[in-house]
PDB file of N, CA and C in Angstrom:
ATOM      1  N   MET A   1      -4.589  93.837 177.594  1.00  0.00           N
ATOM      2  CA  MET A   1      -3.228  93.758 176.425  1.00  0.00           C
ATOM      3  C   MET A   1      -4.162  93.615 174.942  1.00  0.00           C
ATOM      4  N   GLN A   2      -4.112  94.951 174.081  1.00  0.00           N
ATOM      5  CA  GLN A   2      -4.707  94.564 173.064  1.00  0.00           C
ATOM      6  C   GLN A   2      -4.275  93.784 172.316  1.00  0.00           C
ATOM      7  N   SER A   3      -5.267  92.652 171.495  1.00  0.00           N
ATOM      8  CA  SER A   3      -4.453  91.660 170.186  1.00  0.00           C
ATOM      9  C   SER A   3      -4.643  92.538 169.094  1.00  0.00           C
ATOM     10  N   ILE A   4      -3.774  91.996 168.119  1.00  0.00           N
ATOM     11  CA  ILE A   4      -3.509  92.373 166.951  1.00  0.00           C
ATOM     12  C   ILE A   4      -4.432  91.502 165.631  1.00  0.00           C
ATOM     13  N   LYS A   5      -5.124  92.357 164.817  1.00  0.00           N
ATOM     14  CA  LYS A   5      -6.068  91.903 164.385  1.00  0.00           C
ATOM     15  C   LYS A   5      -5.691  91.375 162.991  1.00  0.00           C
ATOM     16  N   LEU A   6      -5.949  90.242 162.591  1.00  0.00           N
ATOM     17  CA  LEU A   6      -5.220  89.680 161.380  1.00  0.00           C
ATOM     18  C   LEU A   6      -4.837  90.208 160.150  1.00  0.00           C
ATOM     19  N   TRP A   7      -6.168  91.104 160.269  1.00  0.00           N
ATOM     20  CA  TRP A   7      -5.617  91.777 158.745  1.00  0.00           C
ATOM     21  C   TRP A   7      -4.389  92.704 159.326  1.00  0.00           C
ATOM     22  N   GLU A   8      -4.171  93.473 160.104  1.00  0.00           N
ATOM     23  CA  GLU A   8      -3.418  94.423 160.485  1.00  0.00           C
ATOM     24  C   GLU A   8      -1.945  93.508 160.462  1.00  0.00           C
ATOM     25  N   LEU A   9      -2.016  92.449 160.890  1.00  0.00           N
ATOM     26  CA  LEU A   9      -0.616  91.682 160.555  1.00  0.00           C
ATOM     27  C   LEU A   9      -0.507  91.591 158.906  1.00  0.00           C
ATOM     28  N   VAL A  10      -1.291  91.130 158.272  1.00  0.00           N
ATOM     29  CA  VAL A  10      -0.957  90.583 157.026  1.00  0.00           C
ATOM     30  C   VAL A  10      -0.427  91.937 156.058  1.00  0.00           C
ATOM     31  N   VAL A  11      -0.921  93.085 156.586  1.00  0.00           N
ATOM     32  CA  VAL A  11      -0.545  94.472 155.918  1.00  0.00           C
ATOM     33  C   VAL A  11       1.099  94.660 156.303  1.00  0.00           C
ATOM     34  N   VAL A  12       1.245  94.454 157.125  1.00  0.00           N
ATOM     35  CA  VAL A  12       2.473  94.583 157.974  1.00  0.00           C
ATOM     36  C   VAL A  12       3.280  93.736 156.882  1.00  0.00           C
ATOM     37  N   VAL A  13       3.165  92.352 157.180  1.00  0.00           N
ATOM     38  CA  VAL A  13       4.191  91.592 156.270  1.00  0.00           C
ATOM     39  C   VAL A  13       4.098  91.884 154.814  1.00  0.00           C
ATOM     40  N   PHE A  14       2.791  92.212 153.916  1.00  0.00           N
ATOM     41  CA  PHE A  14       3.247  92.379 153.169  1.00  0.00           C
ATOM     42  C   PHE A  14       3.965  93.745 152.684  1.00  0.00           C
ATOM     43  N   GLU A  15       3.615  94.507 153.643  1.00  0.00           N
ATOM     44  CA  GLU A  15       4.684  96.350 153.233  1.00  0.00           C
ATOM     45  C   GLU A  15       6.200  95.610 153.483  1.00  0.00           C
ATOM     46  N   ILE A  16       6.696  95.128 154.411  1.00  0.00           N
ATOM     47  CA  ILE A  16       7.982  93.875 154.468  1.00  0.00           C
ATOM     48  C   ILE A  16       8.331  93.560 153.253  1.00  0.00           C
ATOM     49  N   PHE A  17       7.537  92.546 152.642  1.00  0.00           N
ATOM     50  CA  PHE A  17       7.745  91.801 151.414  1.00  0.00           C
ATOM     51  C   PHE A  17       7.856  92.618 150.215  1.00  0.00           C
ATOM     52  N   VAL A  18       6.702  93.831 150.028  1.00  0.00           N
ATOM     53  CA  VAL A  18       7.119  94.780 148.953  1.00  0.00           C
ATOM     54  C   VAL A  18       8.558  95.537 149.388  1.00  0.00           C
ATOM     55  N   GLU A  19       8.638  95.927 150.443  1.00  0.00           N
ATOM     56  CA  GLU A  19      10.323  96.803 150.702  1.00  0.00           C
ATOM     57  C   GLU A  19      11.588  96.031 150.097  1.00  0.00           C
ATOM     58  N   TRP A  20      11.548  94.778 150.487  1.00  0.00           N
ATOM     59  CA  TRP A  20      12.324  93.673 150.059  1.00  0.00           C
ATOM     60  C   TRP A  20      12.388  93.358 148.844  1.00  0.00           C
ATOM     61  N   LEU A  21      11.331  92.809 148.255  1.00  0.00           N
ATOM     62  CA  LEU A  21      11.079  92.823 146.811  1.00  0.00           C
ATOM     63  C   LEU A  21      11.754  94.236 145.823  1.00  0.00           C
ATOM     64  N   THR A  22      11.151  95.345 146.043  1.00  0.00           N
ATOM     65  CA  THR A  22      11.908  96.506 145.272  1.00  0.00           C
ATOM     66  C   THR A  22      13.178  97.056 145.920  1.00  0.00           C
ATOM     67  N   ASN A  23      14.028  96.854 147.297  1.00  0.00           N
ATOM     68  CA  ASN A  23      15.212  97.181 147.902  1.00  0.00           C
ATOM     69  C   ASN A  23      14.805  98.964 147.622  1.00  0.00           C
ATOM     70  N   SER A  24      13.522  98.541 148.172  1.00  0.00           N
ATOM     71  CA  SER A  24      13.294 100.560 148.710  1.00  0.00           C
ATOM     72  C   SER A  24      13.135 101.090 150.029  1.00  0.00           C
ATOM     73  N   ASN A  25      13.610  99.981 150.705  1.00  0.00           N
ATOM     74  CA  ASN A  25      13.665 100.143 152.286  1.00  0.00           C
ATOM     75  C   ASN A  25      15.285 100.023 153.051  1.00  0.00           C
ATOM     76  N   GLN A  26      16.009 101.541 152.549  1.00  0.00           N
ATOM     77  CA  GLN A  26      17.457 101.604 152.976  1.00  0.00           C
ATOM     78  C   GLN A  26      17.435 101.501 154.308  1.00  0.00           C
ATOM     79  N   ALA A  27      16.573 101.585 155.458  1.00  0.00           N
ATOM     80  CA  ALA A  27      17.108 101.325 156.757  1.00  0.00           C
ATOM     81  C   ALA A  27      17.130  99.638 157.222  1.00  0.00           C
ATOM     82  N   TRP A  28      16.514  98.971 155.866  1.00  0.00           N
ATOM     83  CA  TRP A  28      16.653  97.705 156.115  1.00  0.00           C
ATOM     84  C   TRP A  28      18.136  96.935 156.119  1.00  0.00           C
ATOM     85  N   ALA A  29      18.698  97.580 154.719  1.00  0.00           N
ATOM     86  CA  ALA A  29      20.319  97.436 154.215  1.00  0.00           C
ATOM     87  C   ALA A  29      21.042  97.688 155.260  1.00  0.00           C
ATOM     88  N   LYS A  30      20.720  98.959 155.689  1.00  0.00           N
ATOM     89  CA  LYS A  30      21.801  99.238 156.221  1.00  0.00           C
ATOM     90  C   LYS A  30      22.391  99.489 157.852  1.00  0.00           C
ATOM     91  N   ASN A  31      21.013  98.792 158.422  1.00  0.00           N
ATOM     92  CA  ASN A  31      20.521  98.459 159.453  1.00  0.00           C
ATOM     93  C   ASN A  31      20.562  97.086 160.122  1.00  0.00           C
ATOM     94  N   ASN A  32      20.362  96.532 159.001  1.00  0.00           N
ATOM     95  CA  ASN A  32      19.822  94.908 159.227  1.00  0.00           C
ATOM     96  C   ASN A  32      18.917  95.284 159.833  1.00  0.00           C
ATOM     97  N   ASN A  33      17.652  95.864 159.793  1.00  0.00           N
ATOM     98  CA  ASN A  33      16.930  96.234 160.150  1.00  0.00           C
ATOM     99  C   ASN A  33      15.258  96.262 160.003  1.00  0.00           C
ATOM    100  N   PRO A  34      14.484  95.323 158.919  1.00  0.00           N
ATOM    101  CA  PRO A  34      13.512  95.185 157.804  1.00  0.00           C
ATOM    102  C   PRO A  34      12.387  95.653 158.499  1.00  0.00           C
ATOM    103  N   ALA A  35      12.257  95.450 159.641  1.00  0.00           N
ATOM    104  CA  ALA A  35      10.770  95.976 160.099  1.00  0.00           C
ATOM    105  C   ALA A  35      10.930  97.539 160.852  1.00  0.00           C
ATOM    106  N   GLY A  36      12.001  98.052 160.473  1.00  0.00           N
ATOM    107  CA  GLY A  36      12.079  99.219 160.883  1.00  0.00           C
ATOM    108  C   GLY A  36      11.791  99.750 162.203  1.00  0.00           C
ATOM    109  N   ILE A  37      12.537  99.322 163.355  1.00  0.00           N
ATOM    110  CA  ILE A  37      12.215  99.539 164.286  1.00  0.00           C
ATOM    111  C   ILE A  37      12.886 100.831 164.619  1.00  0.00           C
ATOM    112  N   THR A  38      12.497 101.773 165.221  1.00  0.00           N
ATOM    113  CA  THR A  38      12.809 103.069 166.056  1.00  0.00           C
ATOM    114  C   THR A  38      13.768 103.072 166.949  1.00  0.00           C
ATOM    115  N   TRP A  39      14.769 103.650 167.182  1.00  0.00           N
ATOM    116  CA  TRP A  39      15.387 103.577 168.397  1.00  0.00           C
ATOM    117  C   TRP A  39      14.671 105.157 169.226  1.00  0.00           C
ATOM    118  N   ASN A  40      14.503 104.562 170.652  1.00  0.00           N
ATOM    119  CA  ASN A  40      13.955 105.519 171.432  1.00  0.00           C
ATOM    120  C   ASN A  40      14.355 105.681 172.625  1.00  0.00           C
ATOM    121  N   ALA A  41      13.552 106.504 173.715  1.00  0.00           N
ATOM    122  CA  ALA A  41      14.014 106.544 175.016  1.00  0.00           C
ATOM    123  C   ALA A  41      14.439 105.079 175.586  1.00  0.00           C
ATOM    124  N   ASN A  42      13.735 104.215 175.607  1.00  0.00           N
ATOM    125  CA  ASN A  42      13.604 103.068 176.225  1.00  0.00           C
ATOM    126  C   ASN A  42      15.133 102.150 175.652  1.00  0.00           C
ATOM    127  N   PHE A  43      15.330 102.562 174.414  1.00  0.00           N
ATOM    128  CA  PHE A  43      16.815 102.028 174.269  1.00  0.00           C
ATOM    129  C   PHE A  43      18.019 102.633 175.028  1.00  0.00           C
ATOM    130  N   ASP A  44      17.850 103.223 175.615  1.00  0.00           N
ATOM    131  CA  ASP A  44      19.005 104.210 176.392  1.00  0.00           C
ATOM    132  C   ASP A  44      18.864 103.933 177.962  1.00  0.00           C
ATOM    133  N   LYS A  45      17.339 103.873 178.090  1.00  0.00           N
ATOM    134  CA  LYS A  45      17.103 103.464 179.769  1.00  0.00           C
ATOM    135  C   LYS A  45      16.977 102.110 180.114  1.00  0.00           C
ATOM    136  N   MET A  46      17.093 101.321 178.928  1.00  0.00           N
ATOM    137  CA  MET A  46      16.542  99.982 179.215  1.00  0.00           C
ATOM    138  C   MET A  46      15.252  99.882 180.191  1.00  0.00           C
ATOM    139  N   THR A  47      14.165 100.520 179.896  1.00  0.00           N
ATOM    140  CA  THR A  47      13.213  99.930 181.094  1.00  0.00           C
ATOM    141  C   THR A  47      12.841  98.771 180.608  1.00  0.00           C
ATOM    142  N   PRO A  48      12.470  98.112 181.665  1.00  0.00           N
ATOM    143  CA  PRO A  48      11.781  97.357 181.938  1.00  0.00           C
ATOM    144  C   PRO A  48      10.733  96.595 181.305  1.00  0.00           C
ATOM    145  N   GLY A  49      10.541  95.629 180.357  1.00  0.00           N
ATOM    146  CA  GLY A  49       9.918  95.011 179.689  1.00  0.00           C
ATOM    147  C   GLY A  49       9.310  95.801 178.044  1.00  0.00           C
ATOM    148  N   SER A  50      10.447  96.797 178.129  1.00  0.00           N
ATOM    149  CA  SER A  50      10.587  97.324 176.612  1.00  0.00           C
ATOM    150  C   SER A  50      11.124  96.309 175.641  1.00  0.00           C
ATOM    151  N   THR A  51      11.032  96.832 174.274  1.00  0.00           N
ATOM    152  CA  THR A  51      11.828  96.420 173.550  1.00  0.00           C
ATOM    153  C   THR A  51      12.838  96.266 173.649  1.00  0.00           C
ATOM    154  N   ALA A  52      13.400  97.254 173.672  1.00  0.00           N
ATOM    155  CA  ALA A  52      15.042  97.536 174.153  1.00  0.00           C
ATOM    156  C   ALA A  52      15.666  96.101 175.223  1.00  0.00           C
ATOM    157  N   ASP A  53      14.845  95.857 176.025  1.00  0.00           N
ATOM    158  CA  ASP A  53      15.002  95.237 177.418  1.00  0.00           C
ATOM    159  C   ASP A  53      14.990  93.923 176.840  1.00  0.00           C
ATOM    160  N   LYS A  54      13.343  93.345 176.195  1.00  0.00           N
ATOM    161  CA  LYS A  54      13.055  92.143 175.763  1.00  0.00           C
ATOM    162  C   LYS A  54      14.570  91.618 174.395  1.00  0.00           C
ATOM    163  N   LEU A  55      15.099  92.609 173.782  1.00  0.00           N
ATOM    164  CA  LEU A  55      16.182  92.209 172.916  1.00  0.00           C
ATOM    165  C   LEU A  55      17.506  91.755 173.670  1.00  0.00           C
ATOM    166  N   ARG A  56      18.117  92.553 174.689  1.00  0.00           N
ATOM    167  CA  ARG A  56      18.809  92.699 175.634  1.00  0.00           C
ATOM    168  C   ARG A  56      18.703  90.692 175.915  1.00  0.00           C
ATOM    169  N   GLN A  57      17.978  90.970 177.154  1.00  0.00           N
ATOM    170  CA  GLN A  57      17.556  89.954 177.540  1.00  0.00           C
ATOM    171  C   GLN A  57      17.846  88.412 176.479  1.00  0.00           C
ATOM    172  N   ALA A  58      17.325  88.541 175.245  1.00  0.00           N
ATOM    173  CA  ALA A  58      17.796  87.299 174.687  1.00  0.00           C
ATOM    174  C   ALA A  58      18.968  87.099 173.839  1.00  0.00           C
ATOM    175  N   GLY A  59      19.776  88.237 174.157  1.00  0.00           N
ATOM    176  CA  GLY A  59      21.170  88.175 174.013  1.00  0.00           C
ATOM    177  C   GLY A  59      21.062  89.327 172.434  1.00  0.00           C
ATOM    178  N   ILE A  60      20.328  89.672 171.863  1.00  0.00           N
ATOM    179  CA  ILE A  60      20.414  90.084 170.701  1.00  0.00           C
ATOM    180  C   ILE A  60      21.381  91.664 171.087  1.00  0.00           C
ATOM    181  N   GLN A  61      21.836  92.399 170.371  1.00  0.00           N
ATOM    182  CA  GLN A  61      23.384  93.277 169.754  1.00  0.00           C
ATOM    183  C   GLN A  61      22.561  94.274 169.187  1.00  0.00           C
ATOM    184  N   PHE A  62      22.570  95.120 169.686  1.00  0.00           N
ATOM    185  CA  PHE A  62      22.125  96.339 168.483  1.00  0.00           C
ATOM    186  C   PHE A  62      22.496  97.433 169.199  1.00  0.00           C
ATOM    187  N   SER A  63      22.557  98.867 168.116  1.00  0.00           N
ATOM    188  CA  SER A  63      23.058 100.154 168.811  1.00  0.00           C
ATOM    189  C   SER A  63      22.233 101.173 167.861  1.00  0.00           C
ATOM    190  N   LYS A  64      22.319 102.295 167.850  1.00  0.00           N
ATOM    191  CA  LYS A  64      21.473 103.665 167.266  1.00  0.00           C
ATOM    192  C   LYS A  64      22.080 103.325 166.052  1.00  0.00           C
ATOM    193  N   GLY A  65      21.645 103.637 164.820  1.00  0.00           N
ATOM    194  CA  GLY A  65      21.428 103.445 163.505  1.00  0.00           C
ATOM    195  C   GLY A  65      21.618 104.355 162.873  1.00  0.00           C
ATOM    196  N   THR A  66      20.965 104.597 161.739  1.00  0.00           N
ATOM    197  CA  THR A  66      20.891 105.783 160.714  1.00  0.00           C
ATOM    198  C   THR A  66      19.415 106.713 161.014  1.00  0.00           C
ATOM    199  N   ASP A  67      20.005 107.872 161.165  1.00  0.00           N
ATOM    200  CA  ASP A  67      18.871 108.784 160.507  1.00  0.00           C
ATOM    201  C   ASP A  67      17.747 108.767 159.989  1.00  0.00           C
ATOM    202  N   ARG A  68      16.714 108.778 160.560  1.00  0.00           N
ATOM    203  CA  ARG A  68      15.333 108.123 159.799  1.00  0.00           C
ATOM    204  C   ARG A  68      15.119 109.579 159.026  1.00  0.00           C
ATOM    205  N   PRO A  69      14.121 109.447 158.013  1.00  0.00           N
ATOM    206  CA  PRO A  69      13.923 110.815 157.229  1.00  0.00           C
ATOM    207  C   PRO A  69      13.505 111.793 157.809  1.00  0.00           C
ATOM    208  N   ALA A  70      13.982 113.529 157.481  1.00  0.00           N
ATOM    209  CA  ALA A  70      13.406 114.199 158.071  1.00  0.00           C
ATOM    210  C   ALA A  70      12.011 114.550 158.927  1.00  0.00           C
ATOM    211  N   SER A  71      11.095 114.121 158.151  1.00  0.00           N
ATOM    212  CA  SER A  71       9.664 114.214 158.127  1.00  0.00           C
ATOM    213  C   SER A  71       9.471 113.277 159.611  1.00  0.00           C
ATOM    214  N   GLU A  72       9.866 112.512 159.748  1.00  0.00           N
ATOM    215  CA  GLU A  72       9.899 111.227 160.773  1.00  0.00           C
ATOM    216  C   GLU A  72      10.466 111.746 162.042  1.00  0.00           C
ATOM    217  N   GLY A  73      11.854 112.048 161.743  1.00  0.00           N
ATOM    218  CA  GLY A  73      12.902 112.284 163.229  1.00  0.00           C
ATOM    219  C   GLY A  73      13.539 110.914 163.382  1.00  0.00           C
ATOM    220  N   GLY A  74      14.229 111.260 164.493  1.00  0.00           N
ATOM    221  CA  GLY A  74      14.752 110.106 165.314  1.00  0.00           C
ATOM    222  C   GLY A  74      15.998 109.462 164.758  1.00  0.00           C
ATOM    223  N   ASN A  75      16.179 108.252 164.681  1.00  0.00           N
ATOM    224  CA  ASN A  75      17.179 107.319 164.256  1.00  0.00           C
ATOM    225  C   ASN A  75      16.443 105.804 164.356  1.00  0.00           C
ATOM    226  N   TYR A  76      16.929 104.706 163.380  1.00  0.00           N
ATOM    227  CA  TYR A  76      16.753 103.844 162.909  1.00  0.00           C
ATOM    228  C   TYR A  76      17.601 102.681 164.157  1.00  0.00           C
ATOM    229  N   VAL A  77      17.421 101.309 164.924  1.00  0.00           N
ATOM    230  CA  VAL A  77      18.041 100.485 165.367  1.00  0.00           C
ATOM    231  C   VAL A  77      18.700 100.255 164.637  1.00  0.00           C
ATOM    232  N   THR A  78      20.148  99.928 164.789  1.00  0.00           N
ATOM    233  CA  THR A  78      20.950  98.896 164.032  1.00  0.00           C
ATOM    234  C   THR A  78      21.220  97.496 164.542  1.00  0.00           C
ATOM    235  N   PHE A  79      21.227  96.456 164.191  1.00  0.00           N
ATOM    236  CA  PHE A  79      22.163  95.320 164.270  1.00  0.00           C
ATOM    237  C   PHE A  79      23.080  94.847 163.444  1.00  0.00           C
ATOM    238  N   PRO A  80      23.850  93.824 163.651  1.00  0.00           N
ATOM    239  CA  PRO A  80      25.372  93.166 163.488  1.00  0.00           C
ATOM    240  C   PRO A  80      24.702  92.552 162.357  1.00  0.00           C
ATOM    241  N   THR A  81      23.992  91.773 162.226  1.00  0.00           N
ATOM    242  CA  THR A  81      23.482  90.831 161.093  1.00  0.00           C
ATOM    243  C   THR A  81      22.053  91.320 161.025  1.00  0.00           C
ATOM    244  N   ILE A  82      21.349  90.292 160.014  1.00  0.00           N
ATOM    245  CA  ILE A  82      20.319  90.528 159.658  1.00  0.00           C
ATOM    246  C   ILE A  82      19.631  89.143 160.054  1.00  0.00           C
ATOM    247  N   GLU A  83      20.107  88.315 160.705  1.00  0.00           N
ATOM    248  CA  GLU A  83      19.721  87.279 162.028  1.00  0.00           C
ATOM    249  C   GLU A  83      19.497  87.835 163.194  1.00  0.00           C
ATOM    250  N   ASP A  84      20.074  89.055 163.300  1.00  0.00           N
ATOM    251  CA  ASP A  84      19.577  89.130 165.234  1.00  0.00           C
ATOM    252  C   ASP A  84      18.184  90.185 164.836  1.00  0.00           C
TER     253      ASP A  84
END
């Protein structure tokens, strides 16, 4: 298992804070998804051990969200509330 380096965690938290502060992340607002989680095949298949599987086991509801930017492709995951 690969561990996350402290500086990587700091960068991610800082980016989320800046996007929140500047309201520049539309995915956050439209999908209640501050981390920008991307919908992928595991969300359709419920692959054991995947993020989708872990969310479902925790009782968190989710669905396919808005389109990601054309340069990235795909969709975001949307949650009913920001608390999810």
